[in-house]
Amino acid sequence: MAGKTIGAQGATTQGDYLSALYPDSDVRLYPTQDAVNLDLV
């Protein structure tokens, strides 16, 4: 997933997971889950 853009809701365990394990990806954190869904769509 290096170089890929991955999203998650901020201040969550999924956000922590991406931030810790995917340093070479573009990890984007959002205020709500709906906002993550919207950017994926």
PDB file of all heavy atoms in Angstrom:
ATOM      1  N   MET A   1       0.809  -1.219   0.000  1.00  0.00           N
ATOM      2  CA  MET A   1       0.000   0.000   0.000  1.00  0.00           C
ATOM      3  C   MET A   1       0.842   1.269   0.000  1.00  0.00           C
ATOM      4  O   MET A   1       0.310   2.374   0.120  1.00  0.00           O
ATOM      5  CB  MET A   1      -0.931  -0.004   1.220  1.00  0.00           C
ATOM      6  CG  MET A   1      -1.981  -1.104   1.190  1.00  0.00           C
ATOM      7  SD  MET A   1      -3.128  -0.970  -0.208  1.00  0.00           S
ATOM      8  CE  MET A   1      -4.129   0.427   0.330  1.00  0.00           C
ATOM      9  N   ALA A   2       2.149   1.121  -0.123  1.00  0.00           N
ATOM     10  CA  ALA A   2       3.018   2.300  -0.186  1.00  0.00           C
ATOM     11  C   ALA A   2       2.604   3.190  -1.352  1.00  0.00           C
ATOM     12  O   ALA A   2       2.395   2.709  -2.471  1.00  0.00           O
ATOM     13  CB  ALA A   2       4.474   1.871  -0.338  1.00  0.00           C
ATOM     14  N   GLY A   3       2.470   4.468  -1.088  1.00  0.00           N
ATOM     15  CA  GLY A   3       2.065   5.419  -2.117  1.00  0.00           C
ATOM     16  C   GLY A   3       0.568   5.516  -2.337  1.00  0.00           C
ATOM     17  O   GLY A   3       0.101   6.417  -3.044  1.00  0.00           O
ATOM     18  N   LYS A   4      -0.199   4.626  -1.727  1.00  0.00           N
ATOM     19  CA  LYS A   4      -1.656   4.661  -1.852  1.00  0.00           C
ATOM     20  C   LYS A   4      -2.247   5.637  -0.825  1.00  0.00           C
ATOM     21  O   LYS A   4      -1.663   5.895   0.231  1.00  0.00           O
ATOM     22  CB  LYS A   4      -2.260   3.274  -1.632  1.00  0.00           C
ATOM     23  CG  LYS A   4      -1.746   2.204  -2.597  1.00  0.00           C
ATOM     24  CD  LYS A   4      -2.147   2.489  -4.032  1.00  0.00           C
ATOM     25  CE  LYS A   4      -1.718   1.334  -4.930  1.00  0.00           C
ATOM     26  NZ  LYS A   4      -2.051   1.613  -6.366  1.00  0.00           N
ATOM     27  N   THR A   5      -3.409   6.157  -1.136  1.00  0.00           N
ATOM     28  CA  THR A   5      -4.102   7.073  -0.242  1.00  0.00           C
ATOM     29  C   THR A   5      -5.159   6.300   0.525  1.00  0.00           C
ATOM     30  O   THR A   5      -6.065   5.703  -0.067  1.00  0.00           O
ATOM     31  CB  THR A   5      -4.763   8.210  -1.034  1.00  0.00           C
ATOM     32  OG1 THR A   5      -3.756   8.897  -1.785  1.00  0.00           O
ATOM     33  CG2 THR A   5      -5.440   9.210  -0.097  1.00  0.00           C
ATOM     34  N   ILE A   6      -5.036   6.298   1.864  1.00  0.00           N
ATOM     35  CA  ILE A   6      -5.933   5.521   2.719  1.00  0.00           C
ATOM     36  C   ILE A   6      -6.571   6.459   3.743  1.00  0.00           C
ATOM     37  O   ILE A   6      -5.884   7.274   4.355  1.00  0.00           O
ATOM     38  CB  ILE A   6      -5.189   4.401   3.473  1.00  0.00           C
ATOM     39  CG1 ILE A   6      -4.204   3.676   2.559  1.00  0.00           C
ATOM     40  CG2 ILE A   6      -6.186   3.406   4.056  1.00  0.00           C
ATOM     41  CD1 ILE A   6      -3.326   2.671   3.284  1.00  0.00           C
ATOM     42  N   GLY A   7      -7.874   6.317   3.943  1.00  0.00           N
ATOM     43  CA  GLY A   7      -8.583   7.186   4.872  1.00  0.00           C
ATOM     44  C   GLY A   7      -9.124   6.450   6.085  1.00  0.00           C
ATOM     45  O   GLY A   7      -9.314   5.231   6.070  1.00  0.00           O
ATOM     46  N   ALA A   8      -9.371   7.206   7.143  1.00  0.00           N
ATOM     47  CA  ALA A   8     -10.009   6.688   8.352  1.00  0.00           C
ATOM     48  C   ALA A   8     -10.518   7.876   9.157  1.00  0.00           C
ATOM     49  O   ALA A   8     -10.081   9.016   8.954  1.00  0.00           O
ATOM     50  CB  ALA A   8      -9.044   5.861   9.195  1.00  0.00           C
ATOM     51  N   GLN A   9     -11.424   7.609  10.066  1.00  0.00           N
ATOM     52  CA  GLN A   9     -11.867   8.653  10.975  1.00  0.00           C
ATOM     53  C   GLN A   9     -10.757   8.935  11.985  1.00  0.00           C
ATOM     54  O   GLN A   9     -10.111   8.028  12.500  1.00  0.00           O
ATOM     55  CB  GLN A   9     -13.141   8.233  11.711  1.00  0.00           C
ATOM     56  CG  GLN A   9     -13.711   9.329  12.608  1.00  0.00           C
ATOM     57  CD  GLN A   9     -15.025   8.926  13.259  1.00  0.00           C
ATOM     58  OE1 GLN A   9     -15.496   7.809  13.066  1.00  0.00           O
ATOM     59  NE2 GLN A   9     -15.602   9.824  14.022  1.00  0.00           N
ATOM     60  N   GLY A  10     -10.524  10.203  12.260  1.00  0.00           N
ATOM     61  CA  GLY A  10      -9.490  10.585  13.204  1.00  0.00           C
ATOM     62  C   GLY A  10      -9.857  10.271  14.637  1.00  0.00           C
ATOM     63  O   GLY A  10     -11.028  10.098  14.970  1.00  0.00           O
ATOM     64  N   ALA A  11      -8.839  10.181  15.507  1.00  0.00           N
ATOM     65  CA  ALA A  11      -9.008   9.888  16.934  1.00  0.00           C
ATOM     66  C   ALA A  11      -9.700   8.550  17.164  1.00  0.00           C
ATOM     67  O   ALA A  11     -10.449   8.393  18.118  1.00  0.00           O
ATOM     68  CB  ALA A  11      -9.768  11.012  17.629  1.00  0.00           C
ATOM     69  N   THR A  12      -9.449   7.595  16.270  1.00  0.00           N
ATOM     70  CA  THR A  12     -10.035   6.260  16.372  1.00  0.00           C
ATOM     71  C   THR A  12      -8.923   5.221  16.319  1.00  0.00           C
ATOM     72  O   THR A  12      -7.780   5.520  15.938  1.00  0.00           O
ATOM     73  CB  THR A  12     -11.014   5.971  15.216  1.00  0.00           C
ATOM     74  OG1 THR A  12     -10.279   6.004  13.973  1.00  0.00           O
ATOM     75  CG2 THR A  12     -12.143   6.999  15.179  1.00  0.00           C
ATOM     76  N   THR A  13      -9.272   3.980  16.671  1.00  0.00           N
ATOM     77  CA  THR A  13      -8.279   2.919  16.600  1.00  0.00           C
ATOM     78  C   THR A  13      -7.878   2.619  15.155  1.00  0.00           C
ATOM     79  O   THR A  13      -6.732   2.261  14.892  1.00  0.00           O
ATOM     80  CB  THR A  13      -8.815   1.644  17.268  1.00  0.00           C
ATOM     81  OG1 THR A  13     -10.119   1.361  16.766  1.00  0.00           O
ATOM     82  CG2 THR A  13      -8.898   1.821  18.770  1.00  0.00           C
ATOM     83  N   GLN A  14      -8.805   2.767  14.215  1.00  0.00           N
ATOM     84  CA  GLN A  14      -8.434   2.554  12.817  1.00  0.00           C
ATOM     85  C   GLN A  14      -7.479   3.633  12.326  1.00  0.00           C
ATOM     86  O   GLN A  14      -6.562   3.363  11.538  1.00  0.00           O
ATOM     87  CB  GLN A  14      -9.659   2.442  11.907  1.00  0.00           C
ATOM     88  CG  GLN A  14     -10.666   3.548  12.001  1.00  0.00           C
ATOM     89  CD  GLN A  14     -11.820   3.208  12.938  1.00  0.00           C
ATOM     90  OE1 GLN A  14     -11.627   2.543  13.952  1.00  0.00           O
ATOM     91  NE2 GLN A  14     -13.011   3.659  12.592  1.00  0.00           N
ATOM     92  N   GLY A  15      -7.676   4.857  12.791  1.00  0.00           N
ATOM     93  CA  GLY A  15      -6.736   5.920  12.472  1.00  0.00           C
ATOM     94  C   GLY A  15      -5.366   5.642  13.066  1.00  0.00           C
ATOM     95  O   GLY A  15      -4.328   5.843  12.413  1.00  0.00           O
ATOM     96  N   ASP A  16      -5.336   5.182  14.320  1.00  0.00           N
ATOM     97  CA  ASP A  16      -4.069   4.820  14.969  1.00  0.00           C
ATOM     98  C   ASP A  16      -3.376   3.694  14.216  1.00  0.00           C
ATOM     99  O   ASP A  16      -2.144   3.694  14.050  1.00  0.00           O
ATOM    100  CB  ASP A  16      -4.312   4.390  16.415  1.00  0.00           C
ATOM    101  CG  ASP A  16      -4.786   5.538  17.300  1.00  0.00           C
ATOM    102  OD1 ASP A  16      -4.645   6.712  16.898  1.00  0.00           O
ATOM    103  OD2 ASP A  16      -5.289   5.245  18.404  1.00  0.00           O
ATOM    104  N   TYR A  17      -4.154   2.722  13.770  1.00  0.00           N
ATOM    105  CA  TYR A  17      -3.613   1.573  13.044  1.00  0.00           C
ATOM    106  C   TYR A  17      -2.917   2.025  11.760  1.00  0.00           C
ATOM    107  O   TYR A  17      -1.772   1.628  11.480  1.00  0.00           O
ATOM    108  CB  TYR A  17      -4.758   0.609  12.734  1.00  0.00           C
ATOM    109  CG  TYR A  17      -4.412  -0.546  11.846  1.00  0.00           C
ATOM    110  CD1 TYR A  17      -3.769  -1.668  12.347  1.00  0.00           C
ATOM    111  CD2 TYR A  17      -4.766  -0.530  10.494  1.00  0.00           C
ATOM    112  CE1 TYR A  17      -3.460  -2.748  11.519  1.00  0.00           C
ATOM    113  CE2 TYR A  17      -4.463  -1.601   9.660  1.00  0.00           C
ATOM    114  CZ  TYR A  17      -3.813  -2.703  10.185  1.00  0.00           C
ATOM    115  OH  TYR A  17      -3.520  -3.766   9.360  1.00  0.00           O
ATOM    116  N   LEU A  18      -3.580   2.852  10.985  1.00  0.00           N
ATOM    117  CA  LEU A  18      -2.983   3.320   9.738  1.00  0.00           C
ATOM    118  C   LEU A  18      -1.762   4.188   9.987  1.00  0.00           C
ATOM    119  O   LEU A  18      -0.734   4.050   9.312  1.00  0.00           O
ATOM    120  CB  LEU A  18      -4.022   4.097   8.927  1.00  0.00           C
ATOM    121  CG  LEU A  18      -5.152   3.283   8.302  1.00  0.00           C
ATOM    122  CD1 LEU A  18      -6.137   4.199   7.587  1.00  0.00           C
ATOM    123  CD2 LEU A  18      -4.614   2.228   7.333  1.00  0.00           C
ATOM    124  N   SER A  19      -1.856   5.078  10.957  1.00  0.00           N
ATOM    125  CA  SER A  19      -0.742   5.981  11.241  1.00  0.00           C
ATOM    126  C   SER A  19       0.501   5.217  11.687  1.00  0.00           C
ATOM    127  O   SER A  19       1.635   5.598  11.366  1.00  0.00           O
ATOM    128  CB  SER A  19      -1.150   6.996  12.310  1.00  0.00           C
ATOM    129  OG  SER A  19      -2.202   7.825  11.847  1.00  0.00           O
ATOM    130  N   ALA A  20       0.302   4.127  12.435  1.00  0.00           N
ATOM    131  CA  ALA A  20       1.431   3.365  12.962  1.00  0.00           C
ATOM    132  C   ALA A  20       2.040   2.415  11.946  1.00  0.00           C
ATOM    133  O   ALA A  20       3.268   2.255  11.881  1.00  0.00           O
ATOM    134  CB  ALA A  20       0.983   2.575  14.193  1.00  0.00           C
ATOM    135  N   LEU A  21       1.218   1.780  11.122  1.00  0.00           N
ATOM    136  CA  LEU A  21       1.695   0.686  10.279  1.00  0.00           C
ATOM    137  C   LEU A  21       1.854   1.045   8.806  1.00  0.00           C
ATOM    138  O   LEU A  21       2.427   0.262   8.043  1.00  0.00           O
ATOM    139  CB  LEU A  21       0.749  -0.509  10.401  1.00  0.00           C
ATOM    140  CG  LEU A  21       0.632  -1.140  11.794  1.00  0.00           C
ATOM    141  CD1 LEU A  21      -0.247  -2.380  11.746  1.00  0.00           C
ATOM    142  CD2 LEU A  21       2.002  -1.495  12.361  1.00  0.00           C
ATOM    143  N   TYR A  22       1.352   2.203   8.381  1.00  0.00           N
ATOM    144  CA  TYR A  22       1.402   2.560   6.956  1.00  0.00           C
ATOM    145  C   TYR A  22       2.109   3.910   6.752  1.00  0.00           C
ATOM    146  O   TYR A  22       1.558   4.840   6.169  1.00  0.00           O
ATOM    147  CB  TYR A  22      -0.016   2.588   6.378  1.00  0.00           C
ATOM    148  CG  TYR A  22      -0.621   1.207   6.279  1.00  0.00           C
ATOM    149  CD1 TYR A  22      -1.162   0.585   7.399  1.00  0.00           C
ATOM    150  CD2 TYR A  22      -0.623   0.510   5.081  1.00  0.00           C
ATOM    151  CE1 TYR A  22      -1.692  -0.694   7.328  1.00  0.00           C
ATOM    152  CE2 TYR A  22      -1.154  -0.778   4.996  1.00  0.00           C
ATOM    153  CZ  TYR A  22      -1.682  -1.377   6.126  1.00  0.00           C
ATOM    154  OH  TYR A  22      -2.201  -2.632   6.045  1.00  0.00           O
ATOM    155  N   PRO A  23       3.373   4.006   7.204  1.00  0.00           N
ATOM    156  CA  PRO A  23       4.085   5.285   7.094  1.00  0.00           C
ATOM    157  C   PRO A  23       4.368   5.712   5.660  1.00  0.00           C
ATOM    158  O   PRO A  23       4.589   6.911   5.403  1.00  0.00           O
ATOM    159  CB  PRO A  23       5.392   5.024   7.860  1.00  0.00           C
ATOM    160  CG  PRO A  23       5.604   3.541   7.734  1.00  0.00           C
ATOM    161  CD  PRO A  23       4.221   2.952   7.805  1.00  0.00           C
ATOM    162  N   ASP A  24       4.382   4.762   4.739  1.00  0.00           N
ATOM    163  CA  ASP A  24       4.687   5.098   3.341  1.00  0.00           C
ATOM    164  C   ASP A  24       3.431   5.329   2.510  1.00  0.00           C
ATOM    165  O   ASP A  24       3.516   5.525   1.292  1.00  0.00           O
ATOM    166  CB  ASP A  24       5.536   3.993   2.706  1.00  0.00           C
ATOM    167  CG  ASP A  24       6.893   3.838   3.386  1.00  0.00           C
ATOM    168  OD1 ASP A  24       7.460   4.877   3.785  1.00  0.00           O
ATOM    169  OD2 ASP A  24       7.359   2.699   3.537  1.00  0.00           O
ATOM    170  N   SER A  25       2.278   5.305   3.162  1.00  0.00           N
ATOM    171  CA  SER A  25       1.020   5.626   2.480  1.00  0.00           C
ATOM    172  C   SER A  25       0.612   7.050   2.835  1.00  0.00           C
ATOM    173  O   SER A  25       1.073   7.626   3.820  1.00  0.00           O
ATOM    174  CB  SER A  25      -0.082   4.648   2.915  1.00  0.00           C
ATOM    175  OG  SER A  25       0.245   3.321   2.574  1.00  0.00           O
ATOM    176  N   ASP A  26      -0.243   7.601   2.016  1.00  0.00           N
ATOM    177  CA  ASP A  26      -0.826   8.910   2.312  1.00  0.00           C
ATOM    178  C   ASP A  26      -2.058   8.665   3.173  1.00  0.00           C
ATOM    179  O   ASP A  26      -3.144   8.389   2.662  1.00  0.00           O
ATOM    180  CB  ASP A  26      -1.206   9.608   1.004  1.00  0.00           C
ATOM    181  CG  ASP A  26      -1.867  10.963   1.228  1.00  0.00           C
ATOM    182  OD1 ASP A  26      -1.909  11.439   2.388  1.00  0.00           O
ATOM    183  OD2 ASP A  26      -2.361  11.555   0.241  1.00  0.00           O
ATOM    184  N   VAL A  27      -1.889   8.720   4.501  1.00  0.00           N
ATOM    185  CA  VAL A  27      -2.975   8.454   5.439  1.00  0.00           C
ATOM    186  C   VAL A  27      -3.723   9.753   5.719  1.00  0.00           C
ATOM    187  O   VAL A  27      -3.129  10.738   6.164  1.00  0.00           O
ATOM    188  CB  VAL A  27      -2.434   7.853   6.756  1.00  0.00           C
ATOM    189  CG1 VAL A  27      -3.559   7.723   7.780  1.00  0.00           C
ATOM    190  CG2 VAL A  27      -1.806   6.486   6.479  1.00  0.00           C
ATOM    191  N   ARG A  28      -5.014   9.753   5.455  1.00  0.00           N
ATOM    192  CA  ARG A  28      -5.837  10.939   5.661  1.00  0.00           C
ATOM    193  C   ARG A  28      -6.892  10.649   6.727  1.00  0.00           C
ATOM    194  O   ARG A  28      -7.627   9.665   6.624  1.00  0.00           O
ATOM    195  CB  ARG A  28      -6.517  11.356   4.350  1.00  0.00           C
ATOM    196  CG  ARG A  28      -5.514  11.686   3.249  1.00  0.00           C
ATOM    197  CD  ARG A  28      -6.192  12.146   1.964  1.00  0.00           C
ATOM    198  NE  ARG A  28      -5.216  12.364   0.906  1.00  0.00           N
ATOM    199  CZ  ARG A  28      -5.517  12.767  -0.337  1.00  0.00           C
ATOM    200  NH1 ARG A  28      -6.798  12.997  -0.647  1.00  0.00           N
ATOM    201  NH2 ARG A  28      -4.566  12.938  -1.232  1.00  0.00           N
ATOM    202  N   LEU A  29      -6.949  11.503   7.737  1.00  0.00           N
ATOM    203  CA  LEU A  29      -7.875  11.323   8.849  1.00  0.00           C
ATOM    204  C   LEU A  29      -8.965  12.384   8.794  1.00  0.00           C
ATOM    205  O   LEU A  29      -8.684  13.549   8.499  1.00  0.00           O
ATOM    206  CB  LEU A  29      -7.129  11.385  10.179  1.00  0.00           C
ATOM    207  CG  LEU A  29      -5.988  10.369  10.326  1.00  0.00           C
ATOM    208  CD1 LEU A  29      -5.329  10.512  11.687  1.00  0.00           C
ATOM    209  CD2 LEU A  29      -6.485   8.938  10.110  1.00  0.00           C
ATOM    210  N   TYR A  30     -10.184  11.977   9.085  1.00  0.00           N
ATOM    211  CA  TYR A  30     -11.355  12.820   8.907  1.00  0.00           C
ATOM    212  C   TYR A  30     -12.125  12.967  10.225  1.00  0.00           C
ATOM    213  O   TYR A  30     -12.039  12.100  11.092  1.00  0.00           O
ATOM    214  CB  TYR A  30     -12.286  12.211   7.857  1.00  0.00           C
ATOM    215  CG  TYR A  30     -11.681  12.085   6.475  1.00  0.00           C
ATOM    216  CD1 TYR A  30     -10.773  11.064   6.184  1.00  0.00           C
ATOM    217  CD2 TYR A  30     -12.018  12.976   5.464  1.00  0.00           C
ATOM    218  CE1 TYR A  30     -10.222  10.935   4.916  1.00  0.00           C
ATOM    219  CE2 TYR A  30     -11.475  12.846   4.185  1.00  0.00           C
ATOM    220  CZ  TYR A  30     -10.576  11.828   3.921  1.00  0.00           C
ATOM    221  OH  TYR A  30     -10.032  11.715   2.657  1.00  0.00           O
ATOM    222  N   PRO A  31     -12.909  14.022  10.360  1.00  0.00           N
ATOM    223  CA  PRO A  31     -13.647  14.219  11.619  1.00  0.00           C
ATOM    224  C   PRO A  31     -14.776  13.238  11.854  1.00  0.00           C
ATOM    225  O   PRO A  31     -15.133  12.965  12.996  1.00  0.00           O
ATOM    226  CB  PRO A  31     -14.184  15.647  11.500  1.00  0.00           C
ATOM    227  CG  PRO A  31     -14.214  15.923  10.024  1.00  0.00           C
ATOM    228  CD  PRO A  31     -13.055  15.175   9.456  1.00  0.00           C
ATOM    229  N   THR A  32     -15.366  12.701  10.781  1.00  0.00           N
ATOM    230  CA  THR A  32     -16.475  11.752  10.916  1.00  0.00           C
ATOM    231  C   THR A  32     -16.302  10.613   9.928  1.00  0.00           C
ATOM    232  O   THR A  32     -15.599  10.733   8.912  1.00  0.00           O
ATOM    233  CB  THR A  32     -17.842  12.418  10.648  1.00  0.00           C
ATOM    234  OG1 THR A  32     -17.916  12.807   9.268  1.00  0.00           O
ATOM    235  CG2 THR A  32     -18.056  13.629  11.547  1.00  0.00           C
ATOM    236  N   GLN A  33     -17.012   9.501  10.198  1.00  0.00           N
ATOM    237  CA  GLN A  33     -16.979   8.370   9.273  1.00  0.00           C
ATOM    238  C   GLN A  33     -17.664   8.725   7.957  1.00  0.00           C
ATOM    239  O   GLN A  33     -17.241   8.289   6.881  1.00  0.00           O
ATOM    240  CB  GLN A  33     -17.666   7.155   9.902  1.00  0.00           C
ATOM    241  CG  GLN A  33     -17.599   5.891   9.055  1.00  0.00           C
ATOM    242  CD  GLN A  33     -16.178   5.432   8.801  1.00  0.00           C
ATOM    243  OE1 GLN A  33     -15.396   5.284   9.726  1.00  0.00           O
ATOM    244  NE2 GLN A  33     -15.828   5.217   7.526  1.00  0.00           N
ATOM    245  N   ASP A  34     -18.707   9.540   8.025  1.00  0.00           N
ATOM    246  CA  ASP A  34     -19.395   9.958   6.800  1.00  0.00           C
ATOM    247  C   ASP A  34     -18.444  10.688   5.859  1.00  0.00           C
ATOM    248  O   ASP A  34     -18.525  10.534   4.639  1.00  0.00           O
ATOM    249  CB  ASP A  34     -20.584  10.859   7.139  1.00  0.00           C
ATOM    250  CG  ASP A  34     -21.777  10.081   7.660  1.00  0.00           C
ATOM    251  OD1 ASP A  34     -21.799   8.845   7.492  1.00  0.00           O
ATOM    252  OD2 ASP A  34     -22.684  10.713   8.238  1.00  0.00           O
ATOM    253  N   ALA A  35     -17.533  11.485   6.429  1.00  0.00           N
ATOM    254  CA  ALA A  35     -16.579  12.222   5.600  1.00  0.00           C
ATOM    255  C   ALA A  35     -15.595  11.274   4.916  1.00  0.00           C
ATOM    256  O   ALA A  35     -15.211  11.489   3.755  1.00  0.00           O
ATOM    257  CB  ALA A  35     -15.827  13.243   6.451  1.00  0.00           C
ATOM    258  N   VAL A  36     -15.195  10.223   5.615  1.00  0.00           N
ATOM    259  CA  VAL A  36     -14.321   9.210   4.999  1.00  0.00           C
ATOM    260  C   VAL A  36     -15.055   8.536   3.840  1.00  0.00           C
ATOM    261  O   VAL A  36     -14.518   8.392   2.734  1.00  0.00           O
ATOM    262  CB  VAL A  36     -13.894   8.137   6.017  1.00  0.00           C
ATOM    263  CG1 VAL A  36     -12.770   7.283   5.419  1.00  0.00           C
ATOM    264  CG2 VAL A  36     -13.426   8.748   7.322  1.00  0.00           C
ATOM    265  N   ASN A  37     -16.282   8.125   4.113  1.00  0.00           N
ATOM    266  CA  ASN A  37     -17.073   7.457   3.079  1.00  0.00           C
ATOM    267  C   ASN A  37     -17.208   8.332   1.838  1.00  0.00           C
ATOM    268  O   ASN A  37     -17.087   7.853   0.702  1.00  0.00           O
ATOM    269  CB  ASN A  37     -18.461   7.121   3.618  1.00  0.00           C
ATOM    270  CG  ASN A  37     -18.438   6.106   4.745  1.00  0.00           C
ATOM    271  OD1 ASN A  37     -17.421   5.457   4.999  1.00  0.00           O
ATOM    272  ND2 ASN A  37     -19.558   5.973   5.430  1.00  0.00           N
ATOM    273  N   LEU A  38     -17.466   9.604   2.048  1.00  0.00           N
ATOM    274  CA  LEU A  38     -17.666  10.526   0.931  1.00  0.00           C
ATOM    275  C   LEU A  38     -16.430  10.612   0.055  1.00  0.00           C
ATOM    276  O   LEU A  38     -16.530  10.592  -1.183  1.00  0.00           O
ATOM    277  CB  LEU A  38     -18.030  11.915   1.462  1.00  0.00           C
ATOM    278  CG  LEU A  38     -18.246  13.005   0.402  1.00  0.00           C
ATOM    279  CD1 LEU A  38     -19.391  12.631  -0.533  1.00  0.00           C
ATOM    280  CD2 LEU A  38     -18.522  14.347   1.075  1.00  0.00           C
ATOM    281  N   ASP A  39     -15.250  10.679   0.660  1.00  0.00           N
ATOM    282  CA  ASP A  39     -14.034  10.771  -0.152  1.00  0.00           C
ATOM    283  C   ASP A  39     -13.727   9.465  -0.867  1.00  0.00           C
ATOM    284  O   ASP A  39     -13.142   9.471  -1.954  1.00  0.00           O
ATOM    285  CB  ASP A  39     -12.844  11.200   0.718  1.00  0.00           C
ATOM    286  CG  ASP A  39     -12.614  12.713   0.649  1.00  0.00           C
ATOM    287  OD1 ASP A  39     -13.516  13.423   0.161  1.00  0.00           O
ATOM    288  OD2 ASP A  39     -11.532  13.176   1.077  1.00  0.00           O
ATOM    289  N   LEU A  40     -14.122   8.340  -0.289  1.00  0.00           N
ATOM    290  CA  LEU A  40     -13.936   7.069  -1.000  1.00  0.00           C
ATOM    291  C   LEU A  40     -14.874   7.008  -2.206  1.00  0.00           C
ATOM    292  O   LEU A  40     -14.467   6.645  -3.310  1.00  0.00           O
ATOM    293  CB  LEU A  40     -14.192   5.895  -0.063  1.00  0.00           C
ATOM    294  CG  LEU A  40     -13.911   4.504  -0.641  1.00  0.00           C
ATOM    295  CD1 LEU A  40     -12.438   4.358  -1.031  1.00  0.00           C
ATOM    296  CD2 LEU A  40     -14.306   3.406   0.336  1.00  0.00           C
ATOM    297  N   VAL A  41     -16.120   7.414  -2.006  1.00  0.00           N
ATOM    298  CA  VAL A  41     -17.096   7.447  -3.101  1.00  0.00           C
ATOM    299  C   VAL A  41     -16.636   8.393  -4.200  1.00  0.00           C
ATOM    300  O   VAL A  41     -16.787   8.116  -5.403  1.00  0.00           O
ATOM    301  CB  VAL A  41     -18.476   7.880  -2.577  1.00  0.00           C
ATOM    302  CG1 VAL A  41     -19.440   8.126  -3.731  1.00  0.00           C
ATOM    303  CG2 VAL A  41     -19.045   6.821  -1.632  1.00  0.00           C
TER     304      VAL A  41
END
